[in-house]
Protein backbone atom coordinates (compact mmCIF):
# COMPACT_ATOMS: atom_id res chain seq x y z
CA UNK A 1 0.00 0.00 0.00
CA UNK A 2 1.13 3.56 -0.67
CA UNK A 3 1.96 5.50 2.49
CA UNK A 4 0.15 8.84 2.78
CA UNK A 5 -1.23 11.20 5.42
CA UNK A 6 -3.98 8.75 6.33
CA UNK A 7 -1.69 5.79 6.94
CA UNK A 8 -1.82 4.65 10.57
CA UNK A 9 1.51 3.89 12.23
CA UNK A 10 2.13 0.94 14.56
CA UNK A 11 5.38 -0.56 15.73
CA UNK A 12 7.45 -2.45 18.25
CA UNK A 13 9.80 -1.07 20.90
CA UNK A 14 12.69 -2.96 22.43
CA UNK A 15 16.45 -3.27 22.71
CA UNK A 16 17.39 -4.87 20.38
CA UNK A 17 14.67 -4.98 17.69
CA UNK A 18 16.74 -5.35 14.54
CA UNK A 19 15.83 -9.01 14.00
CA UNK A 20 12.12 -8.85 14.81
CA UNK A 21 9.74 -10.64 12.44
CA UNK A 22 6.69 -8.74 13.65
CA UNK A 23 6.67 -6.37 10.63
CA UNK A 24 6.26 -9.40 8.37
CA UNK A 25 3.33 -10.68 10.43
CA UNK A 26 1.48 -7.37 10.60
CA UNK A 27 2.18 -6.52 6.98
CA UNK A 28 0.42 -9.70 5.89
CA UNK A 29 -2.54 -9.04 8.21
CA UNK A 30 -2.89 -5.42 7.08
CA UNK A 31 -2.79 -6.32 3.39
CA UNK A 32 -5.33 -9.12 3.82
CA UNK A 33 -7.65 -6.84 5.82
CA UNK A 34 -7.28 -3.84 3.51
CA UNK A 35 -6.10 -1.65 6.39
CA UNK A 36 -3.90 1.33 5.57
CA UNK A 37 -1.13 0.90 8.15
CA UNK A 38 2.61 0.47 8.53
CA UNK A 39 4.47 -1.37 11.27
CA UNK A 40 7.93 -0.13 12.25
CA UNK A 41 10.61 -1.46 14.63
CA UNK A 42 11.72 1.30 17.04
CA UNK A 43 15.00 0.77 18.84
CA UNK A 44 14.67 2.31 22.32
CA UNK A 45 17.99 2.61 24.11
CA UNK A 46 18.36 2.15 27.85
CA UNK A 47 17.01 5.14 29.77
CA UNK A 48 14.83 6.36 26.88
CA UNK A 49 11.64 4.39 27.50
CA UNK A 50 9.54 7.17 29.03
CA UNK A 51 10.63 9.63 26.36
CA UNK A 52 9.87 7.09 23.64
CA UNK A 53 6.31 6.57 24.87
CA UNK A 54 5.63 10.29 25.14
CA UNK A 55 7.07 10.79 21.67
CA UNK A 56 4.99 7.94 20.24
CA UNK A 57 1.82 9.44 21.66
CA UNK A 58 2.77 12.90 20.36
CA UNK A 59 3.40 11.44 16.90
CA UNK A 60 -0.07 9.86 16.86
CA UNK A 61 1.23 6.29 16.79
CA UNK A 62 -1.81 4.07 17.25
CA UNK A 63 -0.29 1.05 18.97
CA UNK A 64 2.92 -0.83 19.63
CA UNK A 65 4.25 -4.15 20.72
CA UNK A 66 6.78 -4.27 23.55
CA UNK A 67 9.65 -6.73 23.65
CA UNK A 68 12.66 -7.29 25.90
CA UNK A 69 13.77 -5.67 28.09
CA UNK A 70 10.72 -3.43 28.56
CA UNK A 71 7.73 -5.72 29.19
CA UNK A 72 7.81 -4.95 32.92
CA UNK A 73 9.50 -1.57 32.82
CA UNK A 74 6.83 -0.05 30.56
CA UNK A 75 3.98 -0.44 33.09
CA UNK A 76 4.55 2.72 35.19
CA UNK A 77 4.31 4.86 32.06
CA UNK A 78 0.90 3.58 30.89
CA UNK A 79 -2.49 5.13 31.52
CA UNK A 80 -3.80 1.72 32.64
CA UNK A 81 -3.38 -2.02 32.10
CA UNK A 82 -5.95 -4.75 31.52
CA UNK A 83 -6.57 -7.42 34.15
CA UNK A 84 -4.34 -10.05 32.54
CA UNK A 85 -1.36 -7.72 32.21
CA UNK A 86 -1.92 -6.56 35.78
CA UNK A 87 -1.85 -10.15 37.06
CA UNK A 88 1.21 -11.10 35.04
CA UNK A 89 3.07 -7.88 35.70
CA UNK A 90 4.07 -7.77 32.05
CA UNK A 91 2.84 -5.96 28.95
CA UNK A 92 3.58 -6.76 25.32
CA UNK A 93 0.90 -4.77 23.49
CA UNK A 94 0.03 -1.08 23.72
CA UNK A 95 -3.19 0.46 22.44
CA UNK A 96 -3.55 4.23 22.16
CA UNK A 97 -5.86 5.52 24.89
CA UNK A 98 -8.73 7.36 23.19
CA UNK A 99 -9.42 9.37 26.34
CA UNK A 100 -7.46 12.54 25.57
CA UNK A 101 -7.43 13.47 29.25
CA UNK A 102 -5.06 10.55 29.88
CA UNK A 103 -2.63 11.02 26.94
CA UNK A 104 -0.90 7.70 26.67
CA UNK A 105 -1.28 4.00 26.00
CA UNK A 106 -3.20 1.13 27.59
CA UNK A 107 -1.21 -2.06 28.22
CA UNK A 108 -2.26 -5.60 27.39
CA UNK A 109 -0.58 -9.00 27.51
CA UNK A 110 -1.24 -11.20 24.47
CA UNK A 111 1.76 -13.51 25.02
CA UNK A 112 0.00 -16.12 27.16
CA UNK A 113 -3.13 -16.04 24.99
CA UNK A 114 -0.88 -16.61 21.98
CA UNK A 115 0.88 -19.54 23.66
CA UNK A 116 -2.40 -21.15 24.71
CA UNK A 117 -3.77 -20.85 21.16
CA UNK A 118 -0.55 -22.25 19.67
CA UNK A 119 -0.47 -25.24 22.05
CA UNK A 120 -4.14 -25.96 21.42
CA UNK A 121 -3.60 -25.94 17.65
CA UNK A 122 -0.67 -28.33 18.02
CA UNK A 123 -2.85 -30.68 20.09
CA UNK A 124 -0.89 -30.18 23.32
CA UNK A 125 -3.23 -30.58 26.31
CA UNK A 126 -2.99 -28.63 29.55
CA UNK A 127 -6.14 -29.52 31.49
CA UNK A 128 -5.38 -32.12 34.17
CA UNK A 129 -1.84 -32.59 32.81
CA UNK A 130 1.41 -32.63 34.76
CA UNK A 131 3.51 -29.75 33.46
CA UNK A 132 7.18 -28.92 34.02
CA UNK A 133 8.18 -25.31 33.41
CA UNK A 134 11.88 -24.59 32.98
CA UNK A 135 12.70 -21.07 34.15
CA UNK A 136 10.93 -18.73 36.59
CA UNK A 137 11.85 -15.41 34.98
CA UNK A 138 9.27 -13.09 33.45
CA UNK A 139 8.32 -15.57 30.73
CA UNK A 140 8.23 -18.55 33.08
CA UNK A 141 6.06 -16.60 35.52
CA UNK A 142 3.55 -15.76 32.79
CA UNK A 143 3.49 -19.36 31.54
CA UNK A 144 2.93 -20.66 35.08
CA UNK A 145 -0.14 -18.44 35.43
CA UNK A 146 -1.36 -19.61 32.01
CA UNK A 147 -1.03 -23.30 32.90
CA UNK A 148 -2.94 -22.84 36.15
CA UNK A 149 -5.61 -20.78 34.39
CA UNK A 150 -6.10 -23.54 31.81
CA UNK A 151 -6.56 -26.25 34.41
CA UNK A 152 -3.20 -28.02 34.56
CA UNK A 153 -3.37 -30.77 37.16
CA UNK A 154 0.08 -30.10 38.61
CA UNK A 155 2.78 -27.63 37.66
CA UNK A 156 6.43 -28.05 38.65
CA UNK A 157 8.33 -24.78 38.32
CA UNK A 158 12.09 -25.40 38.06
CA UNK A 159 14.61 -22.61 38.38
CA UNK A 160 18.24 -22.19 39.39
CA UNK A 161 17.10 -19.76 42.10
CA UNK A 162 14.50 -21.45 44.26
CA UNK A 163 13.65 -18.09 45.84
CA UNK A 164 12.39 -16.78 42.52
CA UNK A 165 10.43 -19.98 41.81
CA UNK A 166 8.96 -19.93 45.33
CA UNK A 167 7.74 -16.36 44.87
CA UNK A 168 6.01 -17.21 41.57
CA UNK A 169 4.48 -20.40 42.99
CA UNK A 170 3.10 -18.51 45.97
CA UNK A 171 1.46 -15.93 43.71
CA UNK A 172 -0.13 -18.49 41.42
CA UNK A 173 -1.30 -20.76 44.24
CA UNK A 174 -2.89 -17.80 45.97
CA UNK A 175 -5.02 -17.19 42.88
CA UNK A 176 -5.54 -20.70 41.53
CA UNK A 177 -5.23 -23.05 44.51
CA UNK A 178 -7.96 -25.70 44.45
CA UNK A 179 -9.67 -27.02 47.54
CA UNK A 180 -6.72 -26.06 49.68
CA UNK A 181 -4.29 -27.84 47.35
CA UNK A 182 -1.44 -26.00 45.67
CA UNK A 183 -1.34 -26.14 41.87
CA UNK A 184 2.33 -25.15 41.56
CA UNK A 185 5.36 -26.68 43.24
CA UNK A 186 8.62 -24.72 43.12
CA UNK A 187 11.83 -26.72 42.77
CA UNK A 188 15.53 -26.16 42.28
CA UNK A 189 16.54 -27.02 38.74
CA UNK A 190 19.17 -29.38 40.11
CA UNK A 191 16.42 -31.47 41.75
CA UNK A 192 14.76 -32.45 38.46
CA UNK A 193 15.57 -36.14 39.06
CA UNK A 194 12.97 -36.15 41.84
CA UNK A 195 10.34 -36.03 39.08
CA UNK A 196 11.68 -39.03 37.16
CA UNK A 197 9.43 -41.68 38.66
CA UNK A 198 6.33 -43.47 37.47
CA UNK A 199 5.25 -43.91 33.88
CA UNK A 200 7.43 -42.60 31.08
CA UNK A 201 6.17 -40.03 28.53
CA UNK A 202 4.34 -38.35 31.38
CA UNK A 203 4.99 -34.60 31.27
CA UNK A 204 4.27 -31.57 29.16
CA UNK A 205 7.50 -29.54 29.42
CA UNK A 206 7.68 -25.85 28.50
CA UNK A 207 11.16 -24.36 28.07
CA UNK A 208 10.98 -20.67 29.08
CA UNK A 209 14.63 -19.63 29.26
CA UNK A 210 16.94 -18.17 26.60
CA UNK A 211 19.24 -21.22 26.81
CA UNK A 212 19.75 -22.67 23.34
CA UNK A 213 19.08 -19.41 21.53
CA UNK A 214 21.27 -18.88 18.47
CA UNK A 215 24.23 -18.74 18.31
CA UNK A 216 24.51 -20.96 21.45
CA UNK A 217 22.59 -23.77 19.80
CA UNK A 218 24.35 -26.59 21.67
CA UNK A 219 23.20 -25.37 25.08
CA UNK A 220 20.30 -26.91 26.97
CA UNK A 221 18.89 -26.38 30.47
CA UNK A 222 18.83 -30.11 31.31
CA UNK A 223 21.30 -32.26 29.42
CA UNK A 224 20.31 -35.68 30.74
CA UNK A 225 18.76 -38.25 28.43
CA UNK A 226 16.88 -39.86 31.32
CA UNK A 227 14.86 -36.67 31.79
CA UNK A 228 13.57 -36.72 28.22
CA UNK A 229 12.18 -40.25 28.55
CA UNK A 230 9.48 -38.64 30.68
CA UNK A 231 8.53 -35.91 28.20
CA UNK A 232 5.56 -36.52 25.93
CA UNK A 233 5.29 -32.93 24.66
CA UNK A 234 8.16 -30.44 24.70
CA UNK A 235 7.47 -26.80 23.83
CA UNK A 236 10.46 -24.47 23.48
CA UNK A 237 9.53 -20.79 23.33
CA UNK A 238 12.70 -20.20 21.30
CA UNK A 239 12.29 -20.36 17.51
CA UNK A 240 15.84 -19.63 16.36
CA UNK A 241 17.26 -22.13 15.62
CA UNK A 242 14.29 -23.96 14.11
CA UNK A 243 15.13 -27.04 16.20
CA UNK A 244 16.82 -26.40 19.54
CA UNK A 245 18.82 -29.04 21.37
CA UNK A 246 15.97 -29.26 23.88
CA UNK A 247 13.59 -30.15 21.05
CA UNK A 248 15.99 -32.69 19.58
CA UNK A 249 16.40 -34.37 22.96
CA UNK A 250 12.61 -34.65 23.22
CA UNK A 251 12.13 -36.20 19.77
CA UNK A 252 15.15 -38.50 20.15
CA UNK A 253 13.42 -40.00 23.17
CA UNK A 254 10.03 -40.50 21.55
CA UNK A 255 8.27 -37.27 22.49
CA UNK A 256 6.81 -34.54 20.27
CA UNK A 257 8.59 -31.18 20.17
CA UNK A 258 7.55 -27.71 19.01
CA UNK A 259 9.23 -24.33 18.80
CA UNK A 260 7.78 -20.94 19.73
CA UNK A 261 7.03 -19.64 16.26
CA UNK A 262 3.27 -20.23 16.48
CA UNK A 263 3.23 -18.43 19.82
CA UNK A 264 4.81 -15.44 18.04
CA UNK A 265 2.16 -15.68 15.35
CA UNK A 266 -0.82 -15.90 17.68
CA UNK A 267 0.29 -13.19 20.08
CA UNK A 268 0.62 -11.02 16.96
CA UNK A 269 -2.89 -11.96 15.87
CA UNK A 270 -4.27 -11.00 19.27
CA UNK A 271 -2.45 -7.64 19.11
CA UNK A 272 -3.63 -6.93 15.55
CA UNK A 273 -7.22 -7.70 16.49
CA UNK A 274 -6.98 -5.33 19.47
CA UNK A 275 -5.71 -2.54 17.22
CA UNK A 276 -7.95 -3.04 14.21
CA UNK A 277 -11.14 -4.65 15.49
CA UNK A 278 -10.80 -7.11 12.58
CA UNK A 279 -10.62 -10.87 12.96
CA UNK A 280 -7.70 -12.62 11.28
CA UNK A 281 -9.06 -15.52 9.22
CA UNK A 282 -7.38 -18.91 9.57
CA UNK A 283 -6.20 -18.93 5.96
CA UNK A 284 -4.44 -15.59 6.56
CA UNK A 285 -2.87 -16.91 9.77
CA UNK A 286 -1.68 -20.00 7.88
CA UNK A 287 -0.18 -17.83 5.15
CA UNK A 288 1.68 -15.74 7.71
CA UNK A 289 2.95 -18.88 9.44
CA UNK A 290 4.31 -20.30 6.18
CA UNK A 291 6.20 -17.04 5.58
CA UNK A 292 7.58 -17.09 9.12
CA UNK A 293 8.72 -20.69 8.74
CA UNK A 294 10.62 -19.89 5.54
CA UNK A 295 12.29 -16.91 7.20
CA UNK A 296 13.42 -18.89 10.25
CA UNK A 297 14.62 -21.90 8.29
CA UNK A 298 16.67 -19.67 5.98
CA UNK A 299 18.51 -18.01 8.88
Foldseek 3Di string as FASTA:
>chain_A
DDDDPPAAEEEEEEVPCPPDPLQLLVVLQCVVVVHRYGYYYDYADPPCQLVVFLVCLVVRHFKYFYDPPCQQVCQVNALEEDPLCVLLSGFGMWGADPPVVSRGTYTYDLLLVLVVVVCVVVVNDQAQAEEEEEDLPSQSLSNVLSSLVRHHNAYEYEYQDLVSQVVSQVSSCVPRPDPNHGRYDYDYLVPLVVVLDDDAQGYEYEYRDCFCAPPNQQGDSDDDLSSLRRHQEYEYQHPVQVAGPVQVSNVVNPHHYHYNLSSVLRSSQVNVCVRPVDHDDPVSSVVSSVVVVVVNNVD
